[in-house]
Amino acid sequence: MADEITLTAANRAVSGSGAARRLRRTGIVPAIYTGEAGGSELIQLNGHDFELLLQRHHGESLVIDLQLEKGKAKKVLLKEVQHDPLHDNILHADFLEISMTKKLRVGVPLNLTGEPIGVSAEGGTLNHLLRELEIECLPMDIPEEILVDVSALGIGGLLRVSDVTVDPALEIIAEPTVGVAGVEAPRVEEEPEVGEEEGAEGEPKVIGDKGEGDAPDSDEKEAASDES
């Protein structure tokens, strides 16, 4: 079972994008807490504390003891964290109250380990095709990451979801045939072909040099058109 994670939240009295921006400027992250039976509350988090919490963990599908201002702490799933696409700052967070006896479907980071033989010995390129694996399990069994060893992959090799081994407590939901990682052959740059006909000094002959019977080029046609 994963270590317990605690987080304190305060009630949030204001809503809307303008109010949210003002909160962020003061180091506060706006968030929403949704109860297991439905119904939501506007809450806010200390931005620095929340960011440190995320940095200590590989994934963001975390089970947290969320301490609200009133009552006991609630077991919640960190359902979503919205980031600024330019600066990666945290913009918003969603928390969902959960039951520890009911299974959840979550996405877990899929990380690769080892150096493929197709890269180290054959000069290929490793392509990480699937970054997150969808699983179903009890909240206490959610892993922070799933590791996949790719060291045996050669050129043209491909690992699929069906090749991923996980703890028996986890059920993989993702399609088995989806690729996880593969090794691509090195690209060979083709050298430009030398033309058969070359000029006296080895330069390619310019095709389109006008002889007596050649048609006028586009500029000459335009000039003739203007004169007419």
C-alpha atoms as a PDB file:
ATOM      1  CA  MET A   1       0.000   0.000   0.000  1.00  0.00           C
ATOM      2  CA  ALA A   2       1.250   3.456  -0.895  1.00  0.00           C
ATOM      3  CA  ASP A   3       2.267   5.914   1.800  1.00  0.00           C
ATOM      4  CA  GLU A   4      -0.502   8.185   3.028  1.00  0.00           C
ATOM      5  CA  ILE A   5      -0.521  11.656   1.512  1.00  0.00           C
ATOM      6  CA  THR A   6      -2.166  14.548   3.302  1.00  0.00           C
ATOM      7  CA  LEU A   7      -3.165  17.940   1.939  1.00  0.00           C
ATOM      8  CA  THR A   8      -4.961  20.866   3.542  1.00  0.00           C
ATOM      9  CA  ALA A   9      -7.511  22.942   1.636  1.00  0.00           C
ATOM     10  CA  ALA A  10      -9.484  26.079   2.462  1.00  0.00           C
ATOM     11  CA  ASN A  11     -12.915  27.116   1.261  1.00  0.00           C
ATOM     12  CA  ARG A  12     -12.951  29.393  -1.782  1.00  0.00           C
ATOM     13  CA  ALA A  13     -15.508  32.177  -1.834  1.00  0.00           C
ATOM     14  CA  VAL A  14     -14.886  33.478  -5.358  1.00  0.00           C
ATOM     15  CA  SER A  15     -15.243  31.839  -8.752  1.00  0.00           C
ATOM     16  CA  GLY A  16     -14.633  32.745 -12.364  1.00  0.00           C
ATOM     17  CA  SER A  17     -11.501  33.068 -14.495  1.00  0.00           C
ATOM     18  CA  GLY A  18     -10.660  36.587 -13.315  1.00  0.00           C
ATOM     19  CA  ALA A  19     -10.851  35.630  -9.644  1.00  0.00           C
ATOM     20  CA  ALA A  20      -8.800  32.493 -10.341  1.00  0.00           C
ATOM     21  CA  ARG A  21      -6.038  34.553 -11.960  1.00  0.00           C
ATOM     22  CA  ARG A  22      -5.922  36.869  -8.966  1.00  0.00           C
ATOM     23  CA  LEU A  23      -5.588  33.878  -6.632  1.00  0.00           C
ATOM     24  CA  ARG A  24      -2.736  32.408  -8.657  1.00  0.00           C
ATOM     25  CA  ARG A  25      -0.846  35.697  -8.492  1.00  0.00           C
ATOM     26  CA  THR A  26      -0.876  35.360  -4.696  1.00  0.00           C
ATOM     27  CA  GLY A  27       0.409  31.769  -4.768  1.00  0.00           C
ATOM     28  CA  ILE A  28      -2.982  30.077  -4.390  1.00  0.00           C
ATOM     29  CA  VAL A  29      -4.223  27.243  -6.626  1.00  0.00           C
ATOM     30  CA  PRO A  30      -8.004  27.186  -7.196  1.00  0.00           C
ATOM     31  CA  ALA A  31      -9.539  23.708  -7.008  1.00  0.00           C
ATOM     32  CA  ILE A  32     -12.812  21.777  -6.800  1.00  0.00           C
ATOM     33  CA  TYR A  33     -13.755  18.983  -4.408  1.00  0.00           C
ATOM     34  CA  THR A  34     -16.563  16.627  -5.497  1.00  0.00           C
ATOM     35  CA  GLY A  35     -18.174  14.381  -2.907  1.00  0.00           C
ATOM     36  CA  GLU A  36     -18.791  10.673  -3.480  1.00  0.00           C
ATOM     37  CA  ALA A  37     -22.546  11.286  -3.539  1.00  0.00           C
ATOM     38  CA  GLY A  38     -22.226  14.294  -5.835  1.00  0.00           C
ATOM     39  CA  GLY A  39     -22.164  17.977  -5.101  1.00  0.00           C
ATOM     40  CA  SER A  40     -19.059  20.117  -5.359  1.00  0.00           C
ATOM     41  CA  GLU A  41     -17.235  22.652  -3.225  1.00  0.00           C
ATOM     42  CA  LEU A  42     -14.922  25.424  -4.336  1.00  0.00           C
ATOM     43  CA  ILE A  43     -11.620  25.092  -2.490  1.00  0.00           C
ATOM     44  CA  GLN A  44      -8.118  26.542  -2.703  1.00  0.00           C
ATOM     45  CA  LEU A  45      -4.650  25.175  -2.005  1.00  0.00           C
ATOM     46  CA  ASN A  46      -1.297  26.601  -1.018  1.00  0.00           C
ATOM     47  CA  GLY A  47       0.427  26.544  -4.408  1.00  0.00           C
ATOM     48  CA  HIS A  48       3.939  25.961  -3.054  1.00  0.00           C
ATOM     49  CA  ASP A  49       2.880  23.037  -0.865  1.00  0.00           C
ATOM     50  CA  PHE A  50       0.856  21.451  -3.652  1.00  0.00           C
ATOM     51  CA  GLU A  51       3.693  21.738  -6.145  1.00  0.00           C
ATOM     52  CA  LEU A  52       6.134  20.119  -3.698  1.00  0.00           C
ATOM     53  CA  LEU A  53       3.663  17.278  -3.157  1.00  0.00           C
ATOM     54  CA  LEU A  54       3.487  16.583  -6.893  1.00  0.00           C
ATOM     55  CA  GLN A  55       7.273  16.728  -7.260  1.00  0.00           C
ATOM     56  CA  ARG A  56       7.656  13.931  -4.707  1.00  0.00           C
ATOM     57  CA  HIS A  57       5.612  11.539  -6.840  1.00  0.00           C
ATOM     58  CA  HIS A  58       5.957  10.146 -10.354  1.00  0.00           C
ATOM     59  CA  GLY A  59       2.311  10.362 -11.363  1.00  0.00           C
ATOM     60  CA  GLU A  60      -0.653  12.584 -10.605  1.00  0.00           C
ATOM     61  CA  SER A  61      -3.301   9.872  -9.978  1.00  0.00           C
ATOM     62  CA  LEU A  62      -2.782  10.112  -6.238  1.00  0.00           C
ATOM     63  CA  VAL A  63      -5.003   9.038  -3.353  1.00  0.00           C
ATOM     64  CA  ILE A  64      -4.919  11.865  -0.812  1.00  0.00           C
ATOM     65  CA  ASP A  65      -6.303  12.587   2.636  1.00  0.00           C
ATOM     66  CA  LEU A  66      -7.806  15.985   1.916  1.00  0.00           C
ATOM     67  CA  GLN A  67      -8.402  18.034   5.046  1.00  0.00           C
ATOM     68  CA  LEU A  68     -11.152  20.550   4.472  1.00  0.00           C
ATOM     69  CA  GLU A  69     -11.980  23.344   6.905  1.00  0.00           C
ATOM     70  CA  LYS A  70     -14.905  21.433   8.415  1.00  0.00           C
ATOM     71  CA  GLY A  71     -15.062  17.790   9.485  1.00  0.00           C
ATOM     72  CA  LYS A  72     -12.692  14.879   9.052  1.00  0.00           C
ATOM     73  CA  ALA A  73     -10.249  14.435   6.214  1.00  0.00           C
ATOM     74  CA  LYS A  74     -11.734  12.926   3.047  1.00  0.00           C
ATOM     75  CA  LYS A  75     -10.179  10.173   0.974  1.00  0.00           C
ATOM     76  CA  VAL A  76      -9.961  11.662  -2.491  1.00  0.00           C
ATOM     77  CA  LEU A  77      -8.444  10.909  -5.865  1.00  0.00           C
ATOM     78  CA  LEU A  78      -6.495  13.697  -7.509  1.00  0.00           C
ATOM     79  CA  LYS A  79      -8.515  13.406 -10.684  1.00  0.00           C
ATOM     80  CA  GLU A  80      -6.931  16.137 -12.786  1.00  0.00           C
ATOM     81  CA  VAL A  81      -4.264  18.820 -12.619  1.00  0.00           C
ATOM     82  CA  GLN A  82      -4.353  21.553 -15.248  1.00  0.00           C
ATOM     83  CA  HIS A  83      -1.016  23.090 -16.240  1.00  0.00           C
ATOM     84  CA  ASP A  84      -0.112  26.216 -18.158  1.00  0.00           C
ATOM     85  CA  PRO A  85       1.074  24.856 -21.554  1.00  0.00           C
ATOM     86  CA  LEU A  86       3.785  27.518 -21.827  1.00  0.00           C
ATOM     87  CA  HIS A  87       5.276  27.633 -18.332  1.00  0.00           C
ATOM     88  CA  ASP A  88       3.870  24.407 -16.799  1.00  0.00           C
ATOM     89  CA  ASN A  89       2.507  26.343 -13.838  1.00  0.00           C
ATOM     90  CA  ILE A  90      -0.395  24.685 -12.016  1.00  0.00           C
ATOM     91  CA  LEU A  91      -3.673  26.339 -12.966  1.00  0.00           C
ATOM     92  CA  HIS A  92      -6.342  24.201 -11.328  1.00  0.00           C
ATOM     93  CA  ALA A  93      -6.932  20.867  -9.581  1.00  0.00           C
ATOM     94  CA  ASP A  94      -9.932  18.530  -9.298  1.00  0.00           C
ATOM     95  CA  PHE A  95     -10.436  16.139  -6.362  1.00  0.00           C
ATOM     96  CA  LEU A  96     -12.999  13.323  -6.242  1.00  0.00           C
ATOM     97  CA  GLU A  97     -14.039  11.625  -3.017  1.00  0.00           C
ATOM     98  CA  ILE A  98     -13.654   7.854  -3.279  1.00  0.00           C
ATOM     99  CA  SER A  99     -14.435   4.647  -1.438  1.00  0.00           C
ATOM    100  CA  MET A 100     -11.399   2.535  -0.579  1.00  0.00           C
ATOM    101  CA  THR A 101     -13.407  -0.627  -1.330  1.00  0.00           C
ATOM    102  CA  LYS A 102     -14.460   0.307  -4.885  1.00  0.00           C
ATOM    103  CA  LYS A 103     -12.207  -0.109  -7.908  1.00  0.00           C
ATOM    104  CA  LEU A 104     -11.181   2.893  -9.984  1.00  0.00           C
ATOM    105  CA  ARG A 105      -9.973   3.352 -13.530  1.00  0.00           C
ATOM    106  CA  VAL A 106      -6.943   5.607 -13.692  1.00  0.00           C
ATOM    107  CA  GLY A 107      -4.053   6.395 -16.000  1.00  0.00           C
ATOM    108  CA  VAL A 108      -0.595   5.524 -14.679  1.00  0.00           C
ATOM    109  CA  PRO A 109       2.693   6.795 -16.170  1.00  0.00           C
ATOM    110  CA  LEU A 110       4.435   4.147 -18.284  1.00  0.00           C
ATOM    111  CA  ASN A 111       8.220   4.554 -18.064  1.00  0.00           C
ATOM    112  CA  LEU A 112      10.926   2.654 -19.933  1.00  0.00           C
ATOM    113  CA  THR A 113      14.042   1.114 -18.372  1.00  0.00           C
ATOM    114  CA  GLY A 114      17.210  -0.248 -19.927  1.00  0.00           C
ATOM    115  CA  GLU A 115      18.947   0.581 -23.195  1.00  0.00           C
ATOM    116  CA  PRO A 116      17.715  -1.452 -26.180  1.00  0.00           C
ATOM    117  CA  ILE A 117      20.335  -3.556 -27.956  1.00  0.00           C
ATOM    118  CA  GLY A 118      18.989  -2.073 -31.170  1.00  0.00           C
ATOM    119  CA  VAL A 119      20.184   1.323 -29.955  1.00  0.00           C
ATOM    120  CA  SER A 120      23.459   0.492 -28.222  1.00  0.00           C
ATOM    121  CA  ALA A 121      24.737  -2.077 -30.750  1.00  0.00           C
ATOM    122  CA  GLU A 122      22.845  -1.342 -33.951  1.00  0.00           C
ATOM    123  CA  GLY A 123      22.515   2.439 -33.961  1.00  0.00           C
ATOM    124  CA  GLY A 124      18.728   2.531 -33.956  1.00  0.00           C
ATOM    125  CA  THR A 125      16.377   5.014 -32.310  1.00  0.00           C
ATOM    126  CA  LEU A 126      14.066   4.198 -29.406  1.00  0.00           C
ATOM    127  CA  ASN A 127      10.510   5.459 -29.815  1.00  0.00           C
ATOM    128  CA  HIS A 128       8.398   5.754 -26.647  1.00  0.00           C
ATOM    129  CA  LEU A 129       4.915   5.302 -28.090  1.00  0.00           C
ATOM    130  CA  LEU A 130       2.642   5.067 -25.027  1.00  0.00           C
ATOM    131  CA  ARG A 131       3.214   7.373 -22.063  1.00  0.00           C
ATOM    132  CA  GLU A 132       0.295   6.354 -19.859  1.00  0.00           C
ATOM    133  CA  LEU A 133      -1.400   3.017 -19.233  1.00  0.00           C
ATOM    134  CA  GLU A 134      -5.046   2.828 -18.173  1.00  0.00           C
ATOM    135  CA  ILE A 135      -5.667   0.326 -15.377  1.00  0.00           C
ATOM    136  CA  GLU A 136      -8.419  -0.658 -12.951  1.00  0.00           C
ATOM    137  CA  CYS A 137      -7.772  -1.448  -9.298  1.00  0.00           C
ATOM    138  CA  LEU A 138      -8.609  -0.552  -5.717  1.00  0.00           C
ATOM    139  CA  PRO A 139      -7.401   2.892  -4.629  1.00  0.00           C
ATOM    140  CA  MET A 140      -4.792   1.426  -2.266  1.00  0.00           C
ATOM    141  CA  ASP A 141      -3.212  -0.499  -5.163  1.00  0.00           C
ATOM    142  CA  ILE A 142      -2.695   2.403  -7.585  1.00  0.00           C
ATOM    143  CA  PRO A 143       1.019   2.482  -8.501  1.00  0.00           C
ATOM    144  CA  GLU A 144       2.840   5.753  -9.110  1.00  0.00           C
ATOM    145  CA  GLU A 145       4.387   4.332 -12.286  1.00  0.00           C
ATOM    146  CA  ILE A 146       4.696   1.161 -14.335  1.00  0.00           C
ATOM    147  CA  LEU A 147       8.172   0.210 -15.547  1.00  0.00           C
ATOM    148  CA  VAL A 148       8.822  -1.642 -18.796  1.00  0.00           C
ATOM    149  CA  ASP A 149      12.231  -3.137 -19.615  1.00  0.00           C
ATOM    150  CA  VAL A 150      13.149  -2.458 -23.255  1.00  0.00           C
ATOM    151  CA  SER A 151      16.768  -3.690 -23.171  1.00  0.00           C
ATOM    152  CA  ALA A 152      16.011  -6.754 -25.365  1.00  0.00           C
ATOM    153  CA  LEU A 153      14.524  -4.723 -28.218  1.00  0.00           C
ATOM    154  CA  GLY A 154      16.446  -4.930 -31.485  1.00  0.00           C
ATOM    155  CA  ILE A 155      15.997  -3.066 -34.745  1.00  0.00           C
ATOM    156  CA  GLY A 156      12.366  -3.343 -35.770  1.00  0.00           C
ATOM    157  CA  GLY A 157      11.380  -4.685 -32.357  1.00  0.00           C
ATOM    158  CA  LEU A 158       8.072  -3.600 -30.845  1.00  0.00           C
ATOM    159  CA  LEU A 159       6.628  -3.981 -27.354  1.00  0.00           C
ATOM    160  CA  ARG A 160       2.841  -3.904 -27.075  1.00  0.00           C
ATOM    161  CA  VAL A 161       0.479  -3.462 -24.142  1.00  0.00           C
ATOM    162  CA  SER A 162       0.060  -7.251 -24.109  1.00  0.00           C
ATOM    163  CA  ASP A 163       3.789  -7.544 -23.270  1.00  0.00           C
ATOM    164  CA  VAL A 164       3.507  -5.365 -20.150  1.00  0.00           C
ATOM    165  CA  THR A 165       3.594  -7.267 -16.862  1.00  0.00           C
ATOM    166  CA  VAL A 166       1.832  -5.703 -13.869  1.00  0.00           C
ATOM    167  CA  ASP A 167       0.934  -6.669 -10.331  1.00  0.00           C
ATOM    168  CA  PRO A 168      -1.988  -9.155 -10.149  1.00  0.00           C
ATOM    169  CA  ALA A 169      -4.002  -6.528  -8.270  1.00  0.00           C
ATOM    170  CA  LEU A 170      -4.041  -4.396 -11.423  1.00  0.00           C
ATOM    171  CA  GLU A 171      -6.191  -4.983 -14.483  1.00  0.00           C
ATOM    172  CA  ILE A 172      -4.971  -3.416 -17.701  1.00  0.00           C
ATOM    173  CA  ILE A 173      -7.797  -1.717 -19.592  1.00  0.00           C
ATOM    174  CA  ALA A 174      -5.813  -0.461 -22.580  1.00  0.00           C
ATOM    175  CA  GLU A 175      -6.075  -2.287 -25.931  1.00  0.00           C
ATOM    176  CA  PRO A 176      -3.518  -5.177 -25.955  1.00  0.00           C
ATOM    177  CA  THR A 177      -2.271  -4.476 -29.491  1.00  0.00           C
ATOM    178  CA  VAL A 178      -1.322  -0.852 -28.838  1.00  0.00           C
ATOM    179  CA  GLY A 179       2.424  -0.242 -29.156  1.00  0.00           C
ATOM    180  CA  VAL A 180       4.387   0.782 -26.069  1.00  0.00           C
ATOM    181  CA  ALA A 181       7.909   1.163 -27.449  1.00  0.00           C
ATOM    182  CA  GLY A 182       9.843   0.237 -30.567  1.00  0.00           C
ATOM    183  CA  VAL A 183      13.289   0.596 -32.116  1.00  0.00           C
ATOM    184  CA  GLU A 184      13.555   2.212 -35.504  1.00  0.00           C
ATOM    185  CA  ALA A 185      16.415   1.496 -37.922  1.00  0.00           C
ATOM    186  CA  PRO A 186      18.921   4.316 -38.409  1.00  0.00           C
ATOM    187  CA  ARG A 187      18.117   6.587 -41.290  1.00  0.00           C
ATOM    188  CA  VAL A 188      20.553   6.502 -44.198  1.00  0.00           C
ATOM    189  CA  GLU A 189      20.939   9.793 -46.024  1.00  0.00           C
ATOM    190  CA  GLU A 190      21.044   9.273 -49.779  1.00  0.00           C
ATOM    191  CA  GLU A 191      23.870  11.001 -51.611  1.00  0.00           C
ATOM    192  CA  PRO A 192      22.722  13.162 -54.526  1.00  0.00           C
ATOM    193  CA  GLU A 193      23.165  11.430 -57.873  1.00  0.00           C
ATOM    194  CA  VAL A 194      25.664  12.948 -60.299  1.00  0.00           C
ATOM    195  CA  GLY A 195      24.075  13.846 -63.622  1.00  0.00           C
ATOM    196  CA  GLU A 196      25.187  11.925 -66.710  1.00  0.00           C
ATOM    197  CA  GLU A 197      25.805  15.080 -68.719  1.00  0.00           C
ATOM    198  CA  GLU A 198      28.155  17.667 -67.248  1.00  0.00           C
ATOM    199  CA  GLY A 199      29.683  20.848 -68.514  1.00  0.00           C
ATOM    200  CA  ALA A 200      33.290  21.224 -69.507  1.00  0.00           C
ATOM    201  CA  GLU A 201      34.378  21.952 -65.939  1.00  0.00           C
ATOM    202  CA  GLY A 202      32.359  19.184 -64.330  1.00  0.00           C
ATOM    203  CA  GLU A 203      29.258  21.305 -63.552  1.00  0.00           C
ATOM    204  CA  PRO A 204      25.843  19.888 -64.462  1.00  0.00           C
ATOM    205  CA  LYS A 205      24.575  20.967 -67.831  1.00  0.00           C
ATOM    206  CA  VAL A 206      21.775  23.516 -67.500  1.00  0.00           C
ATOM    207  CA  ILE A 207      18.652  22.157 -69.073  1.00  0.00           C
ATOM    208  CA  GLY A 208      16.566  24.765 -70.788  1.00  0.00           C
ATOM    209  CA  ASP A 209      19.423  26.836 -72.312  1.00  0.00           C
ATOM    210  CA  LYS A 210      17.734  28.253 -75.378  1.00  0.00           C
ATOM    211  CA  GLY A 211      18.970  27.264 -78.780  1.00  0.00           C
ATOM    212  CA  GLU A 212      17.619  28.467 -82.067  1.00  0.00           C
ATOM    213  CA  GLY A 213      14.551  26.263 -81.891  1.00  0.00           C
ATOM    214  CA  ASP A 214      13.718  26.702 -78.226  1.00  0.00           C
ATOM    215  CA  ALA A 215      10.456  28.312 -77.146  1.00  0.00           C
ATOM    216  CA  PRO A 216      10.686  31.673 -75.295  1.00  0.00           C
ATOM    217  CA  ASP A 217      10.725  31.441 -71.519  1.00  0.00           C
ATOM    218  CA  SER A 218       7.989  32.824 -69.268  1.00  0.00           C
ATOM    219  CA  ASP A 219       9.621  36.258 -68.922  1.00  0.00           C
ATOM    220  CA  GLU A 220       9.807  36.646 -72.704  1.00  0.00           C
ATOM    221  CA  LYS A 221       6.167  35.602 -72.997  1.00  0.00           C
ATOM    222  CA  GLU A 222       5.141  38.238 -70.459  1.00  0.00           C
ATOM    223  CA  ALA A 223       7.169  40.908 -72.270  1.00  0.00           C
ATOM    224  CA  ALA A 224       5.520  39.981 -75.561  1.00  0.00           C
ATOM    225  CA  SER A 225       2.136  40.134 -73.902  1.00  0.00           C
ATOM    226  CA  ASP A 226       2.867  43.597 -72.468  1.00  0.00           C
ATOM    227  CA  GLU A 227       3.990  44.903 -75.869  1.00  0.00           C
ATOM    228  CA  SER A 228       0.781  43.695 -77.417  1.00  0.00           C
END
